[in-house]
C-alpha atoms as a PDB file:
ATOM      1  CA  MET A   1     -15.843 -44.230  16.940  1.00  0.00           C
ATOM      2  CA  THR A   2     -18.675 -41.637  17.177  1.00  0.00           C
ATOM      3  CA  LYS A   3     -19.664 -39.497  14.135  1.00  0.00           C
ATOM      4  CA  GLU A   4     -18.743 -36.252  16.790  1.00  0.00           C
ATOM      5  CA  GLU A   5     -15.225 -38.071  16.648  1.00  0.00           C
ATOM      6  CA  GLN A   6     -15.467 -38.647  12.579  1.00  0.00           C
ATOM      7  CA  LEU A   7     -16.138 -35.001  12.129  1.00  0.00           C
ATOM      8  CA  LYS A   8     -14.054 -33.486  14.768  1.00  0.00           C
ATOM      9  CA  ARG A   9     -11.138 -35.295  12.632  1.00  0.00           C
ATOM     10  CA  ALA A  10     -12.001 -34.436   9.443  1.00  0.00           C
ATOM     11  CA  ASN A  11     -12.485 -30.543  10.733  1.00  0.00           C
ATOM     12  CA  GLU A  12      -8.870 -31.202  12.316  1.00  0.00           C
ATOM     13  CA  VAL A  13      -7.493 -32.224   8.546  1.00  0.00           C
ATOM     14  CA  PHE A  14      -9.108 -29.209   6.890  1.00  0.00           C
ATOM     15  CA  ASP A  15      -7.450 -26.931   9.709  1.00  0.00           C
ATOM     16  CA  ILE A  16      -3.533 -28.082   9.079  1.00  0.00           C
ATOM     17  CA  GLU A  17      -4.179 -28.220   5.349  1.00  0.00           C
ATOM     18  CA  ILE A  18      -5.398 -24.658   5.620  1.00  0.00           C
ATOM     19  CA  GLU A  19      -2.659 -23.473   7.807  1.00  0.00           C
ATOM     20  CA  GLY A  20      -0.115 -25.334   5.504  1.00  0.00           C
ATOM     21  CA  LEU A  21      -1.516 -23.123   2.367  1.00  0.00           C
ATOM     22  CA  LYS A  22      -1.349 -19.905   4.866  1.00  0.00           C
ATOM     23  CA  LYS A  23       2.364 -20.655   5.544  1.00  0.00           C
ATOM     24  CA  VAL A  24       3.410 -21.185   1.692  1.00  0.00           C
ATOM     25  CA  LYS A  25       0.990 -18.139   0.808  1.00  0.00           C
ATOM     26  CA  ALA A  26       3.692 -16.043   3.076  1.00  0.00           C
ATOM     27  CA  SER A  27       6.461 -17.821   1.203  1.00  0.00           C
ATOM     28  CA  LEU A  28       5.899 -16.194  -1.987  1.00  0.00           C
ATOM     29  CA  GLY A  29       8.751 -14.098  -3.117  1.00  0.00           C
ATOM     30  CA  GLU A  30      11.498 -13.882  -5.688  1.00  0.00           C
ATOM     31  CA  SER A  31      11.609 -17.223  -6.320  1.00  0.00           C
ATOM     32  CA  PHE A  32       8.233 -17.477  -7.585  1.00  0.00           C
ATOM     33  CA  THR A  33       8.909 -14.376  -9.853  1.00  0.00           C
ATOM     34  CA  GLU A  34      11.832 -16.123 -11.256  1.00  0.00           C
ATOM     35  CA  SER A  35      10.581 -19.000 -12.004  1.00  0.00           C
ATOM     36  CA  ILE A  36       7.511 -17.137 -13.745  1.00  0.00           C
ATOM     37  CA  ALA A  37      10.413 -15.289 -15.402  1.00  0.00           C
ATOM     38  CA  LEU A  38      11.723 -18.592 -16.669  1.00  0.00           C
ATOM     39  CA  MET A  39       8.295 -20.163 -17.632  1.00  0.00           C
ATOM     40  CA  LEU A  40       7.663 -16.948 -19.502  1.00  0.00           C
ATOM     41  CA  GLU A  41      11.089 -17.269 -21.649  1.00  0.00           C
ATOM     42  CA  CYS A  42      10.903 -21.014 -22.240  1.00  0.00           C
ATOM     43  CA  VAL A  43       7.159 -20.176 -23.781  1.00  0.00           C
ATOM     44  CA  LYS A  44       8.506 -17.225 -26.005  1.00  0.00           C
ATOM     45  CA  ASN A  45      11.208 -19.796 -27.479  1.00  0.00           C
ATOM     46  CA  ASP A  46       8.433 -22.159 -27.813  1.00  0.00           C
ATOM     47  CA  GLY A  47       9.537 -24.459 -25.583  1.00  0.00           C
ATOM     48  CA  ILE A  48       7.786 -26.561 -23.159  1.00  0.00           C
ATOM     49  CA  ILE A  49       6.864 -26.798 -19.654  1.00  0.00           C
ATOM     50  CA  VAL A  50       8.207 -30.405 -18.278  1.00  0.00           C
ATOM     51  CA  VAL A  51       6.652 -31.302 -14.724  1.00  0.00           C
ATOM     52  CA  SER A  52       7.877 -34.438 -13.171  1.00  0.00           C
ATOM     53  CA  GLY A  53       7.279 -36.564  -9.812  1.00  0.00           C
ATOM     54  CA  VAL A  54       7.441 -39.663  -8.306  1.00  0.00           C
ATOM     55  CA  GLY A  55       4.372 -41.485  -6.460  1.00  0.00           C
ATOM     56  CA  LYS A  56       1.684 -38.818  -5.464  1.00  0.00           C
ATOM     57  CA  ASN A  57       3.684 -36.085  -7.008  1.00  0.00           C
ATOM     58  CA  LEU A  58       3.399 -37.863 -10.213  1.00  0.00           C
ATOM     59  CA  ALA A  59      -0.130 -37.111 -10.112  1.00  0.00           C
ATOM     60  CA  ILE A  60       0.017 -33.951  -9.050  1.00  0.00           C
ATOM     61  CA  ALA A  61       2.241 -33.387 -11.754  1.00  0.00           C
ATOM     62  CA  GLU A  62      -0.280 -34.907 -14.519  1.00  0.00           C
ATOM     63  CA  LYS A  63      -2.745 -32.006 -12.856  1.00  0.00           C
ATOM     64  CA  MET A  64      -0.420 -29.464 -12.886  1.00  0.00           C
ATOM     65  CA  SER A  65       0.546 -29.881 -16.471  1.00  0.00           C
ATOM     66  CA  ALA A  66      -3.112 -30.690 -17.473  1.00  0.00           C
ATOM     67  CA  ILE A  67      -3.518 -26.826 -16.158  1.00  0.00           C
ATOM     68  CA  PHE A  68      -0.600 -25.247 -17.535  1.00  0.00           C
ATOM     69  CA  ALA A  69      -1.158 -26.802 -21.409  1.00  0.00           C
ATOM     70  CA  SER A  70      -5.619 -26.002 -21.381  1.00  0.00           C
ATOM     71  CA  THR A  71      -4.466 -22.301 -20.125  1.00  0.00           C
ATOM     72  CA  GLY A  72      -1.980 -21.622 -23.183  1.00  0.00           C
ATOM     73  CA  THR A  73       1.421 -22.729 -21.636  1.00  0.00           C
ATOM     74  CA  ARG A  74       2.178 -25.695 -23.366  1.00  0.00           C
ATOM     75  CA  SER A  75       3.404 -28.443 -21.123  1.00  0.00           C
ATOM     76  CA  ILE A  76       3.988 -32.677 -20.682  1.00  0.00           C
ATOM     77  CA  VAL A  77       4.349 -34.831 -17.970  1.00  0.00           C
ATOM     78  CA  LEU A  78       7.577 -36.929 -17.779  1.00  0.00           C
ATOM     79  CA  ASN A  79       7.523 -40.298 -15.647  1.00  0.00           C
ATOM     80  CA  PRO A  80      10.903 -40.458 -14.194  1.00  0.00           C
ATOM     81  CA  VAL A  81      11.355 -44.031 -14.498  1.00  0.00           C
ATOM     82  CA  GLN A  82       9.912 -43.912 -18.171  1.00  0.00           C
ATOM     83  CA  ALA A  83      12.549 -40.891 -18.661  1.00  0.00           C
ATOM     84  CA  MET A  84      16.073 -42.934 -18.440  1.00  0.00           C
ATOM     85  CA  HIS A  85      14.589 -45.543 -20.797  1.00  0.00           C
ATOM     86  CA  GLY A  86      13.781 -43.203 -23.745  1.00  0.00           C
ATOM     87  CA  ASP A  87      11.198 -40.812 -22.983  1.00  0.00           C
ATOM     88  CA  LEU A  88      14.182 -37.960 -22.615  1.00  0.00           C
ATOM     89  CA  GLY A  89      13.982 -38.030 -26.266  1.00  0.00           C
ATOM     90  CA  MET A  90      10.799 -35.637 -25.754  1.00  0.00           C
ATOM     91  CA  VAL A  91      12.511 -32.673 -24.057  1.00  0.00           C
ATOM     92  CA  ALA A  92      14.838 -30.335 -26.022  1.00  0.00           C
ATOM     93  CA  PRO A  93      17.470 -27.430 -24.387  1.00  0.00           C
ATOM     94  CA  ARG A  94      14.332 -24.435 -24.720  1.00  0.00           C
ATOM     95  CA  ASP A  95      12.258 -26.547 -22.072  1.00  0.00           C
ATOM     96  CA  VAL A  96      11.819 -26.521 -18.305  1.00  0.00           C
ATOM     97  CA  LEU A  97      11.746 -28.820 -16.237  1.00  0.00           C
ATOM     98  CA  ILE A  98       9.554 -28.499 -12.926  1.00  0.00           C
ATOM     99  CA  ALA A  99      10.782 -31.292 -10.320  1.00  0.00           C
ATOM    100  CA  LEU A 100       8.047 -32.083  -7.585  1.00  0.00           C
ATOM    101  CA  SER A 101       9.434 -33.933  -4.430  1.00  0.00           C
ATOM    102  CA  PHE A 102       8.534 -32.744  -1.119  1.00  0.00           C
ATOM    103  CA  SER A 103      11.593 -34.628   0.403  1.00  0.00           C
ATOM    104  CA  GLY A 104      13.457 -33.264  -2.477  1.00  0.00           C
ATOM    105  CA  GLU A 105      15.701 -36.652  -2.135  1.00  0.00           C
ATOM    106  CA  SER A 106      13.496 -38.992  -3.948  1.00  0.00           C
ATOM    107  CA  ASP A 107      16.248 -41.161  -5.935  1.00  0.00           C
ATOM    108  CA  GLU A 108      14.270 -41.500  -9.145  1.00  0.00           C
ATOM    109  CA  ILE A 109      14.055 -37.338  -9.282  1.00  0.00           C
ATOM    110  CA  LEU A 110      17.973 -37.123  -8.442  1.00  0.00           C
ATOM    111  CA  LYS A 111      18.984 -39.633 -10.896  1.00  0.00           C
ATOM    112  CA  LEU A 112      16.704 -37.526 -13.396  1.00  0.00           C
ATOM    113  CA  ILE A 113      18.053 -34.268 -12.780  1.00  0.00           C
ATOM    114  CA  PRO A 114      21.965 -34.895 -14.530  1.00  0.00           C
ATOM    115  CA  ALA A 115      20.565 -36.234 -17.445  1.00  0.00           C
ATOM    116  CA  ILE A 116      18.029 -33.480 -17.865  1.00  0.00           C
ATOM    117  CA  ARG A 117      20.784 -31.105 -17.609  1.00  0.00           C
ATOM    118  CA  ARG A 118      23.114 -32.833 -20.121  1.00  0.00           C
ATOM    119  CA  HIS A 119      19.894 -32.092 -22.648  1.00  0.00           C
ATOM    120  CA  GLY A 120      20.176 -28.324 -21.492  1.00  0.00           C
ATOM    121  CA  LEU A 121      16.907 -27.797 -19.622  1.00  0.00           C
ATOM    122  CA  LYS A 122      16.861 -25.144 -16.837  1.00  0.00           C
ATOM    123  CA  VAL A 123      15.119 -26.380 -13.512  1.00  0.00           C
ATOM    124  CA  ILE A 124      12.481 -25.291 -10.999  1.00  0.00           C
ATOM    125  CA  SER A 125      12.072 -27.754  -7.893  1.00  0.00           C
ATOM    126  CA  MET A 126       9.733 -27.554  -5.656  1.00  0.00           C
ATOM    127  CA  THR A 127      10.596 -29.390  -1.991  1.00  0.00           C
ATOM    128  CA  GLY A 128       9.620 -28.621   1.472  1.00  0.00           C
ATOM    129  CA  LYS A 129      13.261 -28.751   2.345  1.00  0.00           C
ATOM    130  CA  PRO A 130      15.397 -25.927   1.299  1.00  0.00           C
ATOM    131  CA  ASP A 131      18.772 -27.788   1.881  1.00  0.00           C
ATOM    132  CA  SER A 132      17.436 -31.155   0.130  1.00  0.00           C
ATOM    133  CA  THR A 133      19.610 -32.133  -2.604  1.00  0.00           C
ATOM    134  CA  LEU A 134      17.047 -31.638  -5.015  1.00  0.00           C
ATOM    135  CA  ALA A 135      16.968 -27.831  -4.173  1.00  0.00           C
ATOM    136  CA  LYS A 136      20.864 -27.428  -4.471  1.00  0.00           C
ATOM    137  CA  LEU A 137      20.844 -29.261  -7.511  1.00  0.00           C
ATOM    138  CA  SER A 138      18.258 -26.698  -8.979  1.00  0.00           C
ATOM    139  CA  ASP A 139      17.746 -23.257 -10.659  1.00  0.00           C
ATOM    140  CA  ILE A 140      15.235 -22.231  -9.015  1.00  0.00           C
ATOM    141  CA  HIS A 141      13.622 -23.736  -5.981  1.00  0.00           C
ATOM    142  CA  LEU A 142       9.763 -22.783  -4.842  1.00  0.00           C
ATOM    143  CA  ALA A 143       9.582 -23.765  -1.563  1.00  0.00           C
ATOM    144  CA  ILE A 144       6.587 -25.743   0.140  1.00  0.00           C
ATOM    145  CA  PRO A 145       6.968 -24.768   4.272  1.00  0.00           C
ATOM    146  CA  CYS A 146       3.377 -26.139   4.914  1.00  0.00           C
ATOM    147  CA  GLY A 147       4.194 -27.921   8.168  1.00  0.00           C
ATOM    148  CA  LYS A 148       3.159 -31.186   9.066  1.00  0.00           C
ATOM    149  CA  GLU A 149       1.289 -33.833   7.242  1.00  0.00           C
ATOM    150  CA  ALA A 150      -2.389 -34.243   8.235  1.00  0.00           C
ATOM    151  CA  CYS A 151      -1.620 -38.151   8.346  1.00  0.00           C
ATOM    152  CA  PRO A 152      -1.446 -39.133  11.945  1.00  0.00           C
ATOM    153  CA  PHE A 153       1.813 -41.251  11.288  1.00  0.00           C
ATOM    154  CA  GLY A 154       3.116 -38.503   9.451  1.00  0.00           C
ATOM    155  CA  MET A 155       3.891 -40.160   6.283  1.00  0.00           C
ATOM    156  CA  ALA A 156       1.035 -40.637   3.831  1.00  0.00           C
ATOM    157  CA  PRO A 157       1.244 -36.852   1.763  1.00  0.00           C
ATOM    158  CA  THR A 158      -1.867 -34.998   2.281  1.00  0.00           C
ATOM    159  CA  ASN A 159      -1.045 -31.180   3.526  1.00  0.00           C
ATOM    160  CA  SER A 160       2.388 -31.613   1.228  1.00  0.00           C
ATOM    161  CA  THR A 161       0.363 -32.444  -2.010  1.00  0.00           C
ATOM    162  CA  THR A 162      -2.633 -30.159  -1.316  1.00  0.00           C
ATOM    163  CA  ALA A 163       0.051 -27.284  -1.001  1.00  0.00           C
ATOM    164  CA  THR A 164       2.149 -28.388  -3.835  1.00  0.00           C
ATOM    165  CA  MET A 165      -0.955 -28.554  -6.219  1.00  0.00           C
ATOM    166  CA  ALA A 166      -2.154 -24.889  -4.674  1.00  0.00           C
ATOM    167  CA  MET A 167       1.619 -23.923  -5.688  1.00  0.00           C
ATOM    168  CA  GLY A 168       1.243 -24.981  -9.191  1.00  0.00           C
ATOM    169  CA  ASP A 169      -2.216 -23.653  -9.571  1.00  0.00           C
ATOM    170  CA  ALA A 170      -0.718 -20.213  -8.825  1.00  0.00           C
ATOM    171  CA  LEU A 171       2.219 -20.455 -11.452  1.00  0.00           C
ATOM    172  CA  ALA A 172      -0.352 -21.480 -14.368  1.00  0.00           C
ATOM    173  CA  MET A 173      -3.060 -18.823 -13.069  1.00  0.00           C
ATOM    174  CA  VAL A 174      -0.019 -15.825 -12.986  1.00  0.00           C
ATOM    175  CA  MET A 175       1.030 -17.360 -16.447  1.00  0.00           C
ATOM    176  CA  ILE A 176      -2.520 -16.605 -18.034  1.00  0.00           C
ATOM    177  CA  ASP A 177      -2.454 -12.999 -16.998  1.00  0.00           C
ATOM    178  CA  ALA A 178       1.237 -12.645 -18.047  1.00  0.00           C
ATOM    179  CA  MET A 179       0.861 -13.891 -21.376  1.00  0.00           C
ATOM    180  CA  LYS A 180      -3.031 -12.132 -21.768  1.00  0.00           C
ATOM    181  CA  PHE A 181      -4.075 -15.661 -22.385  1.00  0.00           C
ATOM    182  CA  GLU A 182      -7.569 -14.798 -23.736  1.00  0.00           C
ATOM    183  CA  LEU A 183     -11.095 -16.551 -23.122  1.00  0.00           C
ATOM    184  CA  SER A 184     -11.065 -17.502 -26.924  1.00  0.00           C
ATOM    185  CA  SER A 185      -7.860 -19.146 -26.697  1.00  0.00           C
ATOM    186  CA  TYR A 186      -9.171 -21.101 -24.017  1.00  0.00           C
ATOM    187  CA  ALA A 187     -12.540 -21.930 -26.085  1.00  0.00           C
ATOM    188  CA  LEU A 188     -10.202 -23.609 -28.452  1.00  0.00           C
ATOM    189  CA  ASN A 189      -8.501 -26.038 -25.800  1.00  0.00           C
ATOM    190  CA  HIS A 190     -11.772 -27.254 -24.604  1.00  0.00           C
ATOM    191  CA  PRO A 191     -14.500 -28.112 -27.290  1.00  0.00           C
ATOM    192  CA  ALA A 192     -16.106 -31.058 -25.507  1.00  0.00           C
ATOM    193  CA  GLY A 193     -18.398 -31.208 -22.556  1.00  0.00           C
ATOM    194  CA  ALA A 194     -20.160 -28.171 -20.692  1.00  0.00           C
ATOM    195  CA  ILE A 195     -17.162 -26.191 -20.463  1.00  0.00           C
ATOM    196  CA  GLY A 196     -16.765 -26.366 -23.968  1.00  0.00           C
ATOM    197  CA  ARG A 197     -20.619 -25.404 -24.539  1.00  0.00           C
ATOM    198  CA  ALA A 198     -20.200 -22.607 -22.661  1.00  0.00           C
ATOM    199  CA  LEU A 199     -17.334 -21.393 -24.280  1.00  0.00           C
ATOM    200  CA  VAL A 200     -17.800 -21.870 -27.835  1.00  0.00           C
ATOM    201  CA  MET A 201     -21.250 -20.806 -27.809  1.00  0.00           C
ATOM    202  CA  LYS A 202     -22.174 -17.407 -28.537  1.00  0.00           C
ATOM    203  CA  VAL A 203     -25.238 -15.569 -26.792  1.00  0.00           C
ATOM    204  CA  THR A 204     -26.715 -15.636 -30.158  1.00  0.00           C
ATOM    205  CA  ASP A 205     -26.885 -19.506 -29.855  1.00  0.00           C
ATOM    206  CA  ILE A 206     -29.466 -19.340 -26.941  1.00  0.00           C
ATOM    207  CA  MET A 207     -31.298 -16.134 -27.171  1.00  0.00           C
ATOM    208  CA  ARG A 208     -34.630 -15.890 -27.521  1.00  0.00           C
ATOM    209  CA  THR A 209     -35.896 -14.180 -30.559  1.00  0.00           C
ATOM    210  CA  GLY A 210     -38.888 -13.810 -33.033  1.00  0.00           C
ATOM    211  CA  GLU A 211     -42.251 -14.607 -31.410  1.00  0.00           C
ATOM    212  CA  LYS A 212     -40.387 -15.960 -28.567  1.00  0.00           C
ATOM    213  CA  LEU A 213     -39.421 -12.571 -28.010  1.00  0.00           C
ATOM    214  CA  ALA A 214     -41.570 -10.313 -25.944  1.00  0.00           C
ATOM    215  CA  LYS A 215     -40.901  -6.849 -26.916  1.00  0.00           C
ATOM    216  CA  VAL A 216     -43.277  -3.736 -26.610  1.00  0.00           C
ATOM    217  CA  ALA A 217     -43.228  -0.234 -27.141  1.00  0.00           C
ATOM    218  CA  PRO A 218     -42.816   2.267 -23.775  1.00  0.00           C
ATOM    219  CA  THR A 219     -46.094   3.660 -24.507  1.00  0.00           C
ATOM    220  CA  ALA A 220     -48.090   0.182 -24.701  1.00  0.00           C
ATOM    221  CA  SER A 221     -50.039  -0.559 -21.256  1.00  0.00           C
ATOM    222  CA  VAL A 222     -49.194  -3.129 -18.730  1.00  0.00           C
ATOM    223  CA  MET A 223     -52.000  -5.153 -19.930  1.00  0.00           C
ATOM    224  CA  GLU A 224     -50.856  -5.734 -23.403  1.00  0.00           C
ATOM    225  CA  THR A 225     -46.989  -6.292 -22.274  1.00  0.00           C
ATOM    226  CA  LEU A 226     -48.474  -9.122 -20.196  1.00  0.00           C
ATOM    227  CA  MET A 227     -50.388 -10.416 -23.490  1.00  0.00           C
ATOM    228  CA  ALA A 228     -47.332 -10.183 -24.970  1.00  0.00           C
ATOM    229  CA  MET A 229     -45.237 -12.024 -22.415  1.00  0.00           C
ATOM    230  CA  THR A 230     -47.868 -14.680 -22.423  1.00  0.00           C
ATOM    231  CA  LYS A 231     -47.979 -15.172 -26.108  1.00  0.00           C
ATOM    232  CA  ALA A 232     -44.237 -15.624 -26.321  1.00  0.00           C
ATOM    233  CA  LYS A 233     -44.238 -17.752 -23.243  1.00  0.00           C
ATOM    234  CA  SER A 234     -41.926 -15.161 -21.370  1.00  0.00           C
ATOM    235  CA  GLY A 235     -41.159 -14.627 -17.717  1.00  0.00           C
ATOM    236  CA  SER A 236     -40.182 -11.053 -18.959  1.00  0.00           C
ATOM    237  CA  ALA A 237     -40.560  -8.340 -21.982  1.00  0.00           C
ATOM    238  CA  VAL A 238     -38.439  -5.796 -23.086  1.00  0.00           C
ATOM    239  CA  ILE A 239     -39.242  -2.581 -24.018  1.00  0.00           C
ATOM    240  CA  ALA A 240     -37.837  -0.625 -26.920  1.00  0.00           C
ATOM    241  CA  ASP A 241     -38.431   2.675 -28.832  1.00  0.00           C
ATOM    242  CA  GLU A 242     -39.220   3.054 -32.356  1.00  0.00           C
ATOM    243  CA  THR A 243     -35.664   2.664 -33.393  1.00  0.00           C
ATOM    244  CA  GLY A 244     -35.525  -0.431 -31.279  1.00  0.00           C
ATOM    245  CA  LYS A 245     -33.018   0.315 -28.785  1.00  0.00           C
ATOM    246  CA  LEU A 246     -33.436  -0.799 -25.833  1.00  0.00           C
ATOM    247  CA  LEU A 247     -35.371   1.390 -22.683  1.00  0.00           C
ATOM    248  CA  GLY A 248     -36.067  -1.001 -20.025  1.00  0.00           C
ATOM    249  CA  ILE A 249     -37.502  -4.453 -18.961  1.00  0.00           C
ATOM    250  CA  PHE A 250     -40.963  -5.539 -17.252  1.00  0.00           C
ATOM    251  CA  THR A 251     -40.934  -9.132 -15.420  1.00  0.00           C
ATOM    252  CA  ASP A 252     -43.778 -11.011 -14.164  1.00  0.00           C
ATOM    253  CA  GLY A 253     -41.793 -10.568 -10.746  1.00  0.00           C
ATOM    254  CA  ASP A 254     -42.401  -7.088 -10.922  1.00  0.00           C
ATOM    255  CA  PHE A 255     -46.106  -7.502 -11.975  1.00  0.00           C
ATOM    256  CA  ARG A 256     -46.300  -9.636  -8.681  1.00  0.00           C
ATOM    257  CA  ARG A 257     -44.847  -6.935  -6.495  1.00  0.00           C
ATOM    258  CA  GLN A 258     -47.035  -3.775  -8.210  1.00  0.00           C
ATOM    259  CA  ILE A 259     -50.300  -5.358  -8.469  1.00  0.00           C
ATOM    260  CA  SER A 260     -51.110  -4.445  -4.882  1.00  0.00           C
ATOM    261  CA  GLU A 261     -50.936  -0.686  -5.756  1.00  0.00           C
ATOM    262  CA  GLY A 262     -54.584  -1.748  -7.679  1.00  0.00           C
ATOM    263  CA  ALA A 263     -55.018  -4.377 -10.715  1.00  0.00           C
ATOM    264  CA  GLU A 264     -57.440  -1.647 -12.347  1.00  0.00           C
ATOM    265  CA  VAL A 265     -55.133   1.192 -12.474  1.00  0.00           C
ATOM    266  CA  LEU A 266     -51.745  -1.160 -12.796  1.00  0.00           C
ATOM    267  CA  LEU A 267     -53.017  -2.984 -16.094  1.00  0.00           C
ATOM    268  CA  HIS A 268     -53.992   0.325 -17.791  1.00  0.00           C
ATOM    269  CA  SER A 269     -51.295   2.429 -17.332  1.00  0.00           C
ATOM    270  CA  PRO A 270     -48.453   2.600 -19.603  1.00  0.00           C
ATOM    271  CA  ILE A 271     -45.183   0.012 -19.145  1.00  0.00           C
ATOM    272  CA  SER A 272     -42.941   2.858 -18.717  1.00  0.00           C
ATOM    273  CA  GLU A 273     -43.900   3.812 -16.018  1.00  0.00           C
ATOM    274  CA  HIS A 274     -43.336   0.610 -14.222  1.00  0.00           C
ATOM    275  CA  MET A 275     -40.430  -0.871 -16.274  1.00  0.00           C
ATOM    276  CA  THR A 276     -36.875  -1.102 -14.777  1.00  0.00           C
ATOM    277  CA  LYS A 277     -35.346   1.652 -16.511  1.00  0.00           C
ATOM    278  CA  GLY A 278     -31.579   0.932 -18.105  1.00  0.00           C
ATOM    279  CA  PRO A 279     -31.779  -3.113 -17.011  1.00  0.00           C
ATOM    280  CA  SER A 280     -28.487  -4.902 -17.293  1.00  0.00           C
ATOM    281  CA  PHE A 281     -27.889  -6.418 -21.122  1.00  0.00           C
ATOM    282  CA  VAL A 282     -25.248  -7.893 -23.096  1.00  0.00           C
ATOM    283  CA  TYR A 283     -24.264  -7.701 -26.540  1.00  0.00           C
ATOM    284  CA  ASP A 284     -24.881 -10.078 -29.177  1.00  0.00           C
ATOM    285  CA  SER A 285     -20.699 -10.622 -29.694  1.00  0.00           C
ATOM    286  CA  VAL A 286     -20.448 -12.273 -26.044  1.00  0.00           C
ATOM    287  CA  TYR A 287     -19.867 -15.630 -25.446  1.00  0.00           C
ATOM    288  CA  ALA A 288     -22.302 -18.226 -23.106  1.00  0.00           C
ATOM    289  CA  ALA A 289     -19.914 -18.251 -20.525  1.00  0.00           C
ATOM    290  CA  GLU A 290     -19.967 -14.548 -20.145  1.00  0.00           C
ATOM    291  CA  LEU A 291     -23.790 -14.778 -19.581  1.00  0.00           C
ATOM    292  CA  LEU A 292     -23.194 -17.063 -16.593  1.00  0.00           C
ATOM    293  CA  LYS A 293     -20.739 -14.206 -15.022  1.00  0.00           C
ATOM    294  CA  VAL A 294     -23.372 -11.662 -15.366  1.00  0.00           C
ATOM    295  CA  PHE A 295     -26.234 -13.927 -13.918  1.00  0.00           C
ATOM    296  CA  GLU A 296     -24.324 -14.608 -11.027  1.00  0.00           C
ATOM    297  CA  HIS A 297     -23.213 -11.190 -10.603  1.00  0.00           C
ATOM    298  CA  LYS A 298     -26.311  -9.641 -11.020  1.00  0.00           C
ATOM    299  CA  ARG A 299     -28.828 -11.759  -9.595  1.00  0.00           C
ATOM    300  CA  ILE A 300     -31.258 -11.609 -12.149  1.00  0.00           C
ATOM    301  CA  ASP A 301     -32.978 -14.566 -14.310  1.00  0.00           C
ATOM    302  CA  ASP A 302     -33.405 -12.192 -17.238  1.00  0.00           C
ATOM    303  CA  LEU A 303     -31.239 -10.595 -19.762  1.00  0.00           C
ATOM    304  CA  PRO A 304     -31.653  -8.439 -22.842  1.00  0.00           C
ATOM    305  CA  VAL A 305     -29.396  -9.020 -25.663  1.00  0.00           C
ATOM    306  CA  CYS A 306     -28.270  -5.665 -27.764  1.00  0.00           C
ATOM    307  CA  ASN A 307     -26.498  -5.548 -30.910  1.00  0.00           C
ATOM    308  CA  LYS A 308     -23.704  -2.919 -31.106  1.00  0.00           C
ATOM    309  CA  GLU A 309     -26.031  -0.170 -31.744  1.00  0.00           C
ATOM    310  CA  GLY A 310     -27.625  -0.762 -28.667  1.00  0.00           C
ATOM    311  CA  GLN A 311     -31.089  -2.403 -30.139  1.00  0.00           C
ATOM    312  CA  VAL A 312     -32.772  -5.166 -28.798  1.00  0.00           C
ATOM    313  CA  VAL A 313     -32.117  -8.313 -30.893  1.00  0.00           C
ATOM    314  CA  GLY A 314     -32.924 -10.681 -28.317  1.00  0.00           C
ATOM    315  CA  LEU A 315     -33.303 -11.809 -24.407  1.00  0.00           C
ATOM    316  CA  VAL A 316     -31.517 -14.866 -22.530  1.00  0.00           C
ATOM    317  CA  ASP A 317     -33.991 -16.818 -19.691  1.00  0.00           C
ATOM    318  CA  ILE A 318     -31.597 -18.206 -16.925  1.00  0.00           C
ATOM    319  CA  GLN A 319     -33.967 -21.279 -17.968  1.00  0.00           C
ATOM    320  CA  ASP A 320     -32.694 -21.936 -21.204  1.00  0.00           C
ATOM    321  CA  LEU A 321     -28.986 -22.028 -20.229  1.00  0.00           C
ATOM    322  CA  PRO A 322     -29.837 -26.109 -18.730  1.00  0.00           C
ATOM    323  CA  LYS A 323     -31.647 -26.370 -21.762  1.00  0.00           C
ATOM    324  CA  MET A 324     -28.234 -25.830 -23.411  1.00  0.00           C
ATOM    325  CA  LYS A 325     -26.126 -27.516 -21.242  1.00  0.00           C
ATOM    326  CA  VAL A 326     -24.098 -24.634 -20.770  1.00  0.00           C
ATOM    327  CA  LEU A 327     -25.151 -24.143 -16.949  1.00  0.00           C
END
């Protein structure tokens, strides 16, 4: 098999799965909103979203449940085999089961449903077969009409598992909005790793202050501003009035762009004539995760930090983020 043939086949797989996702997206409708309503009622009653599947769908159930749990929707995974040997004791009538089976005919899942019913749970099924046994046994059926698998034998779950996972993501993300789940709550569920640091750390933990902050008055010359930047070992300086309120910012990039006007004139002119006025800034109460959004959206490298009165209290250089392990 040549390299060209390999790439062609890989592209075919992507095309099949992209087309499958489009089909599932187009199928969204009343059953989806009914599922959200049932899940919200479950959460309101302090219930748990129970997700179950067999084979590849058990792995998807684990991922789906993890996304739910980390974004405010309490959830557990129920292995259908283990459920029949005691794990049903984990569920209660206020809970909701999401059952995954693309064929809708998986024996283990079908045997689970009557037992789940006896425990008083409502059932949401996700299958590719609206006329399947599982779909008929469910209170709500979420269709996964993704089309053929990418597998040449039509056997290995590929397109169907991708589409099922995407449907789970859609449920989780809509639940975030419906429950008004906030970033601070997300941070409580992610205390470790880069995500945890970005969510728990605030800008005050990262920003440059004191001798590391180059801050000058608007009457300072460009030369004085460059000296302040050199002393602070910073690529930028913030310009503030006598009360400390932010007026502008001047970066080494600004200097390089303007030096062509003539070094002598530039160096001795007031910084107020060359600074970027009304620059983007963040308040000192924001989390590091919000900093990342600002840097990406504004495409800047230096970000002043102000208190609620608009006074400069620090500066964040994008190069500081990797050092703090939040990028």
